[in-house]
Amino acid sequence: MIVVVKGFAKASKKGSTIIVSTPRKTSDGGVVWETRSVPLLDLELVVIVGSRVSLSSGVITSLSEVGVPLLIHSRRADSVLINPFDVRVAEV
């Protein structure tokens, strides 16, 4: 699954799921946060569009551990965070 997060949003980690929260205005002028949870094992790519998305360090670490690339696109710069190889220590 490819997840695209754009606009004003917060991404956090809870267990083995990524939770993306976005605000939505109600008819009376209030703000309600809508959440969407995505299991880490279902992710193939995460795309962040814009500079108003807040990522926790737990999200970035979890994506790196699972090997999911993170693409960040904004007006000023573009970045790709990938984990090109796994380093593991084995005792023989």
C-alpha atoms as a PDB file:
ATOM      1  CA  MET A   1       0.000   0.000   0.000  1.00  0.00           C
ATOM      2  CA  ILE A   2       1.221   3.490  -0.841  1.00  0.00           C
ATOM      3  CA  VAL A   3       0.240   6.183   1.650  1.00  0.00           C
ATOM      4  CA  VAL A   4       0.200   9.853   0.609  1.00  0.00           C
ATOM      5  CA  VAL A   5      -0.042  12.445   3.396  1.00  0.00           C
ATOM      6  CA  LYS A   6      -0.621  16.058   2.364  1.00  0.00           C
ATOM      7  CA  GLY A   7      -1.722  19.290   3.918  1.00  0.00           C
ATOM      8  CA  PHE A   8      -1.743  19.838   7.667  1.00  0.00           C
ATOM      9  CA  ALA A   9      -1.371  16.430   9.349  1.00  0.00           C
ATOM     10  CA  LYS A  10       0.308  14.570  12.202  1.00  0.00           C
ATOM     11  CA  ALA A  11       1.783  11.086  11.912  1.00  0.00           C
ATOM     12  CA  SER A  12       2.541   9.031  14.993  1.00  0.00           C
ATOM     13  CA  LYS A  13       3.255   5.416  15.882  1.00  0.00           C
ATOM     14  CA  LYS A  14       1.183   3.177  18.104  1.00  0.00           C
ATOM     15  CA  GLY A  15       2.455  -0.375  18.364  1.00  0.00           C
ATOM     16  CA  SER A  16       2.939  -1.706  14.842  1.00  0.00           C
ATOM     17  CA  THR A  17       0.620   0.810  13.173  1.00  0.00           C
ATOM     18  CA  ILE A  18       1.118   4.308  11.825  1.00  0.00           C
ATOM     19  CA  ILE A  19      -1.650   6.729  12.779  1.00  0.00           C
ATOM     20  CA  VAL A  20      -2.244   9.751  10.524  1.00  0.00           C
ATOM     21  CA  SER A  21      -4.439  12.523  11.965  1.00  0.00           C
ATOM     22  CA  THR A  22      -5.870  15.354   9.863  1.00  0.00           C
ATOM     23  CA  PRO A  23      -8.116  18.220  10.994  1.00  0.00           C
ATOM     24  CA  ARG A  24     -11.547  18.773   9.484  1.00  0.00           C
ATOM     25  CA  LYS A  25     -13.790  21.769  10.060  1.00  0.00           C
ATOM     26  CA  THR A  26     -17.314  21.092  11.205  1.00  0.00           C
ATOM     27  CA  SER A  27     -20.387  23.015  10.137  1.00  0.00           C
ATOM     28  CA  ASP A  28     -20.434  25.035  13.387  1.00  0.00           C
ATOM     29  CA  GLY A  29     -16.820  26.199  12.919  1.00  0.00           C
ATOM     30  CA  GLY A  30     -15.139  23.702  15.227  1.00  0.00           C
ATOM     31  CA  VAL A  31     -12.300  21.382  14.365  1.00  0.00           C
ATOM     32  CA  VAL A  32     -12.492  17.595  14.528  1.00  0.00           C
ATOM     33  CA  TRP A  33      -9.401  15.407  14.084  1.00  0.00           C
ATOM     34  CA  GLU A  34      -9.923  12.445  11.776  1.00  0.00           C
ATOM     35  CA  THR A  35      -7.538   9.529  12.246  1.00  0.00           C
ATOM     36  CA  ARG A  36      -6.523   6.791   9.869  1.00  0.00           C
ATOM     37  CA  SER A  37      -4.431   3.841  10.972  1.00  0.00           C
ATOM     38  CA  VAL A  38      -2.227   1.841   8.615  1.00  0.00           C
ATOM     39  CA  PRO A  39      -0.406  -1.365   9.642  1.00  0.00           C
ATOM     40  CA  LEU A  40       3.359  -1.230   9.080  1.00  0.00           C
ATOM     41  CA  LEU A  41       3.419  -4.593   7.306  1.00  0.00           C
ATOM     42  CA  ASP A  42       1.036  -3.327   4.590  1.00  0.00           C
ATOM     43  CA  LEU A  43       3.184  -0.322   3.650  1.00  0.00           C
ATOM     44  CA  GLU A  44       5.342  -0.216   0.526  1.00  0.00           C
ATOM     45  CA  LEU A  45       5.930   3.562   0.242  1.00  0.00           C
ATOM     46  CA  VAL A  46       5.072   6.678   2.266  1.00  0.00           C
ATOM     47  CA  VAL A  47       4.896  10.040   0.464  1.00  0.00           C
ATOM     48  CA  ILE A  48       4.776  13.310   2.423  1.00  0.00           C
ATOM     49  CA  VAL A  49       3.637  16.328   0.390  1.00  0.00           C
ATOM     50  CA  GLY A  50       4.150  19.816   1.801  1.00  0.00           C
ATOM     51  CA  SER A  51       5.966  21.195   4.801  1.00  0.00           C
ATOM     52  CA  ARG A  52       3.076  21.202   7.277  1.00  0.00           C
ATOM     53  CA  VAL A  53       3.148  17.481   8.061  1.00  0.00           C
ATOM     54  CA  SER A  54       4.519  16.552  11.471  1.00  0.00           C
ATOM     55  CA  LEU A  55       6.271  13.169  11.790  1.00  0.00           C
ATOM     56  CA  SER A  56       7.361  11.660  15.062  1.00  0.00           C
ATOM     57  CA  SER A  57      10.802  10.100  15.290  1.00  0.00           C
ATOM     58  CA  GLY A  58       9.145   6.766  16.077  1.00  0.00           C
ATOM     59  CA  VAL A  59       7.465   6.794  12.660  1.00  0.00           C
ATOM     60  CA  ILE A  60      10.745   7.425  10.848  1.00  0.00           C
ATOM     61  CA  THR A  61      12.557   4.745  12.851  1.00  0.00           C
ATOM     62  CA  SER A  62       9.778   2.194  12.313  1.00  0.00           C
ATOM     63  CA  LEU A  63       9.673   2.814   8.570  1.00  0.00           C
ATOM     64  CA  SER A  64      13.443   2.388   8.408  1.00  0.00           C
ATOM     65  CA  GLU A  65      13.357  -0.875  10.366  1.00  0.00           C
ATOM     66  CA  VAL A  66      10.687  -2.357   8.098  1.00  0.00           C
ATOM     67  CA  GLY A  67      12.466  -1.089   4.961  1.00  0.00           C
ATOM     68  CA  VAL A  68       9.721   1.252   3.730  1.00  0.00           C
ATOM     69  CA  PRO A  69      11.068   4.241   1.748  1.00  0.00           C
ATOM     70  CA  LEU A  70       9.913   7.698   2.838  1.00  0.00           C
ATOM     71  CA  LEU A  71       9.624  10.377   0.143  1.00  0.00           C
ATOM     72  CA  ILE A  72       9.276  13.999   1.296  1.00  0.00           C
ATOM     73  CA  HIS A  73       8.266  16.572  -1.314  1.00  0.00           C
ATOM     74  CA  SER A  74       7.991  20.282  -0.568  1.00  0.00           C
ATOM     75  CA  ARG A  75       8.426  23.545  -2.384  1.00  0.00           C
ATOM     76  CA  ARG A  76      11.967  24.096  -1.076  1.00  0.00           C
ATOM     77  CA  ALA A  77      13.443  20.604  -1.183  1.00  0.00           C
ATOM     78  CA  ASP A  78      12.826  16.956  -1.952  1.00  0.00           C
ATOM     79  CA  SER A  79      14.194  14.127   0.173  1.00  0.00           C
ATOM     80  CA  VAL A  80      14.161  10.358   0.044  1.00  0.00           C
ATOM     81  CA  LEU A  81      14.873   8.328   3.164  1.00  0.00           C
ATOM     82  CA  ILE A  82      15.651   4.704   2.420  1.00  0.00           C
ATOM     83  CA  ASN A  83      17.375   1.908   4.231  1.00  0.00           C
ATOM     84  CA  PRO A  84      19.637   0.499   1.509  1.00  0.00           C
ATOM     85  CA  PHE A  85      21.043  -2.433   3.464  1.00  0.00           C
ATOM     86  CA  ASP A  86      20.526  -4.223   6.744  1.00  0.00           C
ATOM     87  CA  VAL A  87      23.372  -4.517   9.190  1.00  0.00           C
ATOM     88  CA  ARG A  88      22.959  -7.449  11.515  1.00  0.00           C
ATOM     89  CA  VAL A  89      25.266  -9.045  14.035  1.00  0.00           C
ATOM     90  CA  ALA A  90      25.279 -12.830  14.259  1.00  0.00           C
ATOM     91  CA  GLU A  91      27.081 -14.996  16.770  1.00  0.00           C
ATOM     92  CA  VAL A  92      28.586 -18.173  15.409  1.00  0.00           C
END
